[in-house]
Amino acid sequence: MTAYDILNEAANIARVATFIIDGDGVIRYRYVGANKKDRPTPETILSEIRALAASSE
């Protein structure tokens, strides 16, 4: 968890996070929420995936 900077050390738990990882295992999108309800919208995630797909063409 520390490698991805998602550890909430005060509470000793992982923060809510969303990652998009390409076929080579490289993180192309990372969103770490401030709280358990703070997440990217589905539209944001799909937009990021589409942008990643377009850039690899």
PDB file of N, CA and C in Angstrom:
ATOM      1  N   MET A   1       0.813  -1.195   0.000  1.00  0.00           N
ATOM      2  CA  MET A   1       0.000   0.000   0.000  1.00  0.00           C
ATOM      3  C   MET A   1       0.853   1.254   0.000  1.00  0.00           C
ATOM      4  N   THR A   2       1.977   1.192   0.641  1.00  0.00           N
ATOM      5  CA  THR A   2       2.825   2.380   0.666  1.00  0.00           C
ATOM      6  C   THR A   2       3.421   2.648  -0.706  1.00  0.00           C
ATOM      7  N   ALA A   3       3.640   1.617  -1.502  1.00  0.00           N
ATOM      8  CA  ALA A   3       4.185   1.813  -2.842  1.00  0.00           C
ATOM      9  C   ALA A   3       3.233   2.613  -3.725  1.00  0.00           C
ATOM     10  N   TYR A   4       1.959   2.527  -3.445  1.00  0.00           N
ATOM     11  CA  TYR A   4       0.954   3.240  -4.229  1.00  0.00           C
ATOM     12  C   TYR A   4       0.452   4.493  -3.528  1.00  0.00           C
ATOM     13  N   ASP A   5       1.002   4.803  -2.381  1.00  0.00           N
ATOM     14  CA  ASP A   5       0.640   5.986  -1.597  1.00  0.00           C
ATOM     15  C   ASP A   5      -0.856   6.020  -1.265  1.00  0.00           C
ATOM     16  N   ILE A   6      -1.373   4.885  -0.817  1.00  0.00           N
ATOM     17  CA  ILE A   6      -2.788   4.824  -0.449  1.00  0.00           C
ATOM     18  C   ILE A   6      -3.004   4.452   1.015  1.00  0.00           C
ATOM     19  N   LEU A   7      -1.931   4.321   1.759  1.00  0.00           N
ATOM     20  CA  LEU A   7      -2.057   3.944   3.160  1.00  0.00           C
ATOM     21  C   LEU A   7      -2.395   5.152   4.019  1.00  0.00           C
ATOM     22  N   ASN A   8      -3.474   5.042   4.757  1.00  0.00           N
ATOM     23  CA  ASN A   8      -3.822   6.041   5.764  1.00  0.00           C
ATOM     24  C   ASN A   8      -3.154   5.563   7.044  1.00  0.00           C
ATOM     25  N   GLU A   9      -1.993   6.111   7.312  1.00  0.00           N
ATOM     26  CA  GLU A   9      -1.197   5.619   8.441  1.00  0.00           C
ATOM     27  C   GLU A   9      -1.867   5.867   9.787  1.00  0.00           C
ATOM     28  N   ALA A  10      -2.612   6.953   9.912  1.00  0.00           N
ATOM     29  CA  ALA A  10      -3.273   7.258  11.183  1.00  0.00           C
ATOM     30  C   ALA A  10      -4.299   6.186  11.546  1.00  0.00           C
ATOM     31  N   ALA A  11      -5.015   5.688  10.538  1.00  0.00           N
ATOM     32  CA  ALA A  11      -6.043   4.676  10.788  1.00  0.00           C
ATOM     33  C   ALA A  11      -5.554   3.264  10.461  1.00  0.00           C
ATOM     34  N   ASN A  12      -4.357   3.160   9.875  1.00  0.00           N
ATOM     35  CA  ASN A  12      -3.781   1.882   9.469  1.00  0.00           C
ATOM     36  C   ASN A  12      -4.690   1.114   8.504  1.00  0.00           C
ATOM     37  N   ILE A  13      -5.264   1.851   7.550  1.00  0.00           N
ATOM     38  CA  ILE A  13      -6.091   1.239   6.507  1.00  0.00           C
ATOM     39  C   ILE A  13      -5.749   1.900   5.172  1.00  0.00           C
ATOM     40  N   ALA A  14      -6.132   1.247   4.100  1.00  0.00           N
ATOM     41  CA  ALA A  14      -5.922   1.812   2.767  1.00  0.00           C
ATOM     42  C   ALA A  14      -7.012   2.828   2.465  1.00  0.00           C
ATOM     43  N   ARG A  15      -6.613   3.911   1.814  1.00  0.00           N
ATOM     44  CA  ARG A  15      -7.592   4.879   1.335  1.00  0.00           C
ATOM     45  C   ARG A  15      -8.220   4.328   0.066  1.00  0.00           C
ATOM     46  N   VAL A  16      -9.427   4.783  -0.246  1.00  0.00           N
ATOM     47  CA  VAL A  16     -10.111   4.362  -1.458  1.00  0.00           C
ATOM     48  C   VAL A  16      -9.305   4.862  -2.659  1.00  0.00           C
ATOM     49  N   ALA A  17      -9.020   3.974  -3.595  1.00  0.00           N
ATOM     50  CA  ALA A  17      -8.226   4.358  -4.759  1.00  0.00           C
ATOM     51  C   ALA A  17      -8.723   3.633  -6.002  1.00  0.00           C
ATOM     52  N   THR A  18      -8.546   4.295  -7.139  1.00  0.00           N
ATOM     53  CA  THR A  18      -8.870   3.725  -8.442  1.00  0.00           C
ATOM     54  C   THR A  18      -7.637   3.849  -9.319  1.00  0.00           C
ATOM     55  N   PHE A  19      -7.267   2.756  -9.961  1.00  0.00           N
ATOM     56  CA  PHE A  19      -6.121   2.753 -10.863  1.00  0.00           C
ATOM     57  C   PHE A  19      -6.545   2.211 -12.214  1.00  0.00           C
ATOM     58  N   ILE A  20      -5.969   2.769 -13.273  1.00  0.00           N
ATOM     59  CA  ILE A  20      -6.076   2.183 -14.610  1.00  0.00           C
ATOM     60  C   ILE A  20      -4.656   1.804 -14.986  1.00  0.00           C
ATOM     61  N   ILE A  21      -4.482   0.532 -15.291  1.00  0.00           N
ATOM     62  CA  ILE A  21      -3.159  -0.018 -15.568  1.00  0.00           C
ATOM     63  C   ILE A  21      -3.151  -0.551 -16.999  1.00  0.00           C
ATOM     64  N   ASP A  22      -2.141  -0.165 -17.769  1.00  0.00           N
ATOM     65  CA  ASP A  22      -2.085  -0.608 -19.160  1.00  0.00           C
ATOM     66  C   ASP A  22      -1.595  -2.052 -19.259  1.00  0.00           C
ATOM     67  N   GLY A  23      -1.535  -2.564 -20.470  1.00  0.00           N
ATOM     68  CA  GLY A  23      -1.153  -3.952 -20.710  1.00  0.00           C
ATOM     69  C   GLY A  23       0.264  -4.285 -20.297  1.00  0.00           C
ATOM     70  N   ASP A  24       1.101  -3.252 -20.150  1.00  0.00           N
ATOM     71  CA  ASP A  24       2.480  -3.466 -19.710  1.00  0.00           C
ATOM     72  C   ASP A  24       2.638  -3.349 -18.200  1.00  0.00           C
ATOM     73  N   GLY A  25       1.524  -3.126 -17.499  1.00  0.00           N
ATOM     74  CA  GLY A  25       1.564  -3.017 -16.047  1.00  0.00           C
ATOM     75  C   GLY A  25       1.907  -1.621 -15.535  1.00  0.00           C
ATOM     76  N   VAL A  26       1.849  -0.627 -16.421  1.00  0.00           N
ATOM     77  CA  VAL A  26       2.145   0.753 -16.039  1.00  0.00           C
ATOM     78  C   VAL A  26       0.866   1.458 -15.608  1.00  0.00           C
ATOM     79  N   ILE A  27       0.923   2.112 -14.461  1.00  0.00           N
ATOM     80  CA  ILE A  27      -0.242   2.861 -13.988  1.00  0.00           C
ATOM     81  C   ILE A  27      -0.394   4.098 -14.858  1.00  0.00           C
ATOM     82  N   ARG A  28      -1.545   4.215 -15.531  1.00  0.00           N
ATOM     83  CA  ARG A  28      -1.810   5.341 -16.425  1.00  0.00           C
ATOM     84  C   ARG A  28      -2.781   6.347 -15.819  1.00  0.00           C
ATOM     85  N   TYR A  29      -3.511   5.927 -14.814  1.00  0.00           N
ATOM     86  CA  TYR A  29      -4.450   6.814 -14.127  1.00  0.00           C
ATOM     87  C   TYR A  29      -4.497   6.383 -12.675  1.00  0.00           C
ATOM     88  N   ARG A  30      -4.493   7.385 -11.808  1.00  0.00           N
ATOM     89  CA  ARG A  30      -4.536   7.093 -10.366  1.00  0.00           C
ATOM     90  C   ARG A  30      -5.397   8.148  -9.701  1.00  0.00           C
ATOM     91  N   TYR A  31      -6.337   7.701  -8.913  1.00  0.00           N
ATOM     92  CA  TYR A  31      -7.183   8.610  -8.141  1.00  0.00           C
ATOM     93  C   TYR A  31      -7.260   8.063  -6.731  1.00  0.00           C
ATOM     94  N   VAL A  32      -6.854   8.864  -5.770  1.00  0.00           N
ATOM     95  CA  VAL A  32      -6.923   8.461  -4.364  1.00  0.00           C
ATOM     96  C   VAL A  32      -7.921   9.384  -3.686  1.00  0.00           C
ATOM     97  N   GLY A  33      -8.982   8.803  -3.176  1.00  0.00           N
ATOM     98  CA  GLY A  33     -10.036   9.590  -2.558  1.00  0.00           C
ATOM     99  C   GLY A  33      -9.676  10.104  -1.174  1.00  0.00           C
ATOM    100  N   ALA A  34     -10.293  11.220  -0.833  1.00  0.00           N
ATOM    101  CA  ALA A  34     -10.080  11.819   0.491  1.00  0.00           C
ATOM    102  C   ALA A  34     -10.833  11.057   1.574  1.00  0.00           C
ATOM    103  N   ASN A  35     -11.905  10.372   1.166  1.00  0.00           N
ATOM    104  CA  ASN A  35     -12.697   9.575   2.102  1.00  0.00           C
ATOM    105  C   ASN A  35     -13.351   8.435   1.336  1.00  0.00           C
ATOM    106  N   LYS A  36     -14.096   7.588   2.031  1.00  0.00           N
ATOM    107  CA  LYS A  36     -14.633   6.390   1.368  1.00  0.00           C
ATOM    108  C   LYS A  36     -15.697   6.689   0.318  1.00  0.00           C
ATOM    109  N   LYS A  37     -16.241   7.886   0.326  1.00  0.00           N
ATOM    110  CA  LYS A  37     -17.243   8.248  -0.687  1.00  0.00           C
ATOM    111  C   LYS A  37     -16.646   9.033  -1.850  1.00  0.00           C
ATOM    112  N   ASP A  38     -15.393   9.413  -1.729  1.00  0.00           N
ATOM    113  CA  ASP A  38     -14.723  10.217  -2.758  1.00  0.00           C
ATOM    114  C   ASP A  38     -14.118   9.294  -3.810  1.00  0.00           C
ATOM    115  N   ARG A  39     -14.826   9.168  -4.913  1.00  0.00           N
ATOM    116  CA  ARG A  39     -14.394   8.289  -6.003  1.00  0.00           C
ATOM    117  C   ARG A  39     -14.613   9.000  -7.329  1.00  0.00           C
ATOM    118  N   PRO A  40     -13.844   8.642  -8.351  1.00  0.00           N
ATOM    119  CA  PRO A  40     -14.100   9.246  -9.654  1.00  0.00           C
ATOM    120  C   PRO A  40     -15.430   8.746 -10.212  1.00  0.00           C
ATOM    121  N   THR A  41     -16.057   9.557 -11.031  1.00  0.00           N
ATOM    122  CA  THR A  41     -17.319   9.135 -11.637  1.00  0.00           C
ATOM    123  C   THR A  41     -17.054   8.065 -12.689  1.00  0.00           C
ATOM    124  N   PRO A  42     -18.048   7.261 -12.992  1.00  0.00           N
ATOM    125  CA  PRO A  42     -17.872   6.288 -14.078  1.00  0.00           C
ATOM    126  C   PRO A  42     -17.495   6.983 -15.396  1.00  0.00           C
ATOM    127  N   GLU A  43     -18.058   8.157 -15.641  1.00  0.00           N
ATOM    128  CA  GLU A  43     -17.746   8.900 -16.858  1.00  0.00           C
ATOM    129  C   GLU A  43     -16.266   9.279 -16.905  1.00  0.00           C
ATOM    130  N   THR A  44     -15.725   9.681 -15.765  1.00  0.00           N
ATOM    131  CA  THR A  44     -14.308  10.030 -15.703  1.00  0.00           C
ATOM    132  C   THR A  44     -13.436   8.826 -16.000  1.00  0.00           C
ATOM    133  N   ILE A  45     -13.763   7.707 -15.420  1.00  0.00           N
ATOM    134  CA  ILE A  45     -12.985   6.487 -15.652  1.00  0.00           C
ATOM    135  C   ILE A  45     -13.054   6.074 -17.120  1.00  0.00           C
ATOM    136  N   LEU A  46     -14.259   6.080 -17.689  1.00  0.00           N
ATOM    137  CA  LEU A  46     -14.396   5.713 -19.100  1.00  0.00           C
ATOM    138  C   LEU A  46     -13.652   6.678 -20.011  1.00  0.00           C
ATOM    139  N   SER A  47     -13.686   7.953 -19.686  1.00  0.00           N
ATOM    140  CA  SER A  47     -12.961   8.950 -20.468  1.00  0.00           C
ATOM    141  C   SER A  47     -11.462   8.683 -20.437  1.00  0.00           C
ATOM    142  N   GLU A  48     -10.950   8.343 -19.273  1.00  0.00           N
ATOM    143  CA  GLU A  48      -9.525   8.027 -19.146  1.00  0.00           C
ATOM    144  C   GLU A  48      -9.163   6.775 -19.932  1.00  0.00           C
ATOM    145  N   ILE A  49     -10.017   5.771 -19.902  1.00  0.00           N
ATOM    146  CA  ILE A  49      -9.769   4.541 -20.654  1.00  0.00           C
ATOM    147  C   ILE A  49      -9.788   4.825 -22.147  1.00  0.00           C
ATOM    148  N   ARG A  50     -10.756   5.617 -22.591  1.00  0.00           N
ATOM    149  CA  ARG A  50     -10.828   5.968 -24.018  1.00  0.00           C
ATOM    150  C   ARG A  50      -9.591   6.746 -24.452  1.00  0.00           C
ATOM    151  N   ALA A  51      -9.145   7.680 -23.620  1.00  0.00           N
ATOM    152  CA  ALA A  51      -7.955   8.461 -23.943  1.00  0.00           C
ATOM    153  C   ALA A  51      -6.720   7.569 -24.021  1.00  0.00           C
ATOM    154  N   LEU A  52      -6.622   6.627 -23.116  1.00  0.00           N
ATOM    155  CA  LEU A  52      -5.500   5.696 -23.136  1.00  0.00           C
ATOM    156  C   LEU A  52      -5.544   4.833 -24.403  1.00  0.00           C
ATOM    157  N   ALA A  53      -6.722   4.357 -24.759  1.00  0.00           N
ATOM    158  CA  ALA A  53      -6.872   3.525 -25.976  1.00  0.00           C
ATOM    159  C   ALA A  53      -6.524   4.336 -27.217  1.00  0.00           C
ATOM    160  N   ALA A  54      -6.962   5.588 -27.270  1.00  0.00           N
ATOM    161  CA  ALA A  54      -6.679   6.443 -28.423  1.00  0.00           C
ATOM    162  C   ALA A  54      -5.190   6.744 -28.553  1.00  0.00           C
ATOM    163  N   SER A  55      -4.511   6.910 -27.440  1.00  0.00           N
ATOM    164  CA  SER A  55      -3.085   7.231 -27.488  1.00  0.00           C
ATOM    165  C   SER A  55      -2.230   6.034 -27.865  1.00  0.00           C
ATOM    166  N   SER A  56      -2.796   4.830 -27.765  1.00  0.00           N
ATOM    167  CA  SER A  56      -2.013   3.639 -28.094  1.00  0.00           C
ATOM    168  C   SER A  56      -2.246   3.179 -29.530  1.00  0.00           C
ATOM    169  N   GLU A  57      -3.102   3.893 -30.254  1.00  0.00           N
ATOM    170  CA  GLU A  57      -3.378   3.507 -31.657  1.00  0.00           C
ATOM    171  C   GLU A  57      -2.310   4.033 -32.582  1.00  0.00           C
TER     172      GLU A  57
END
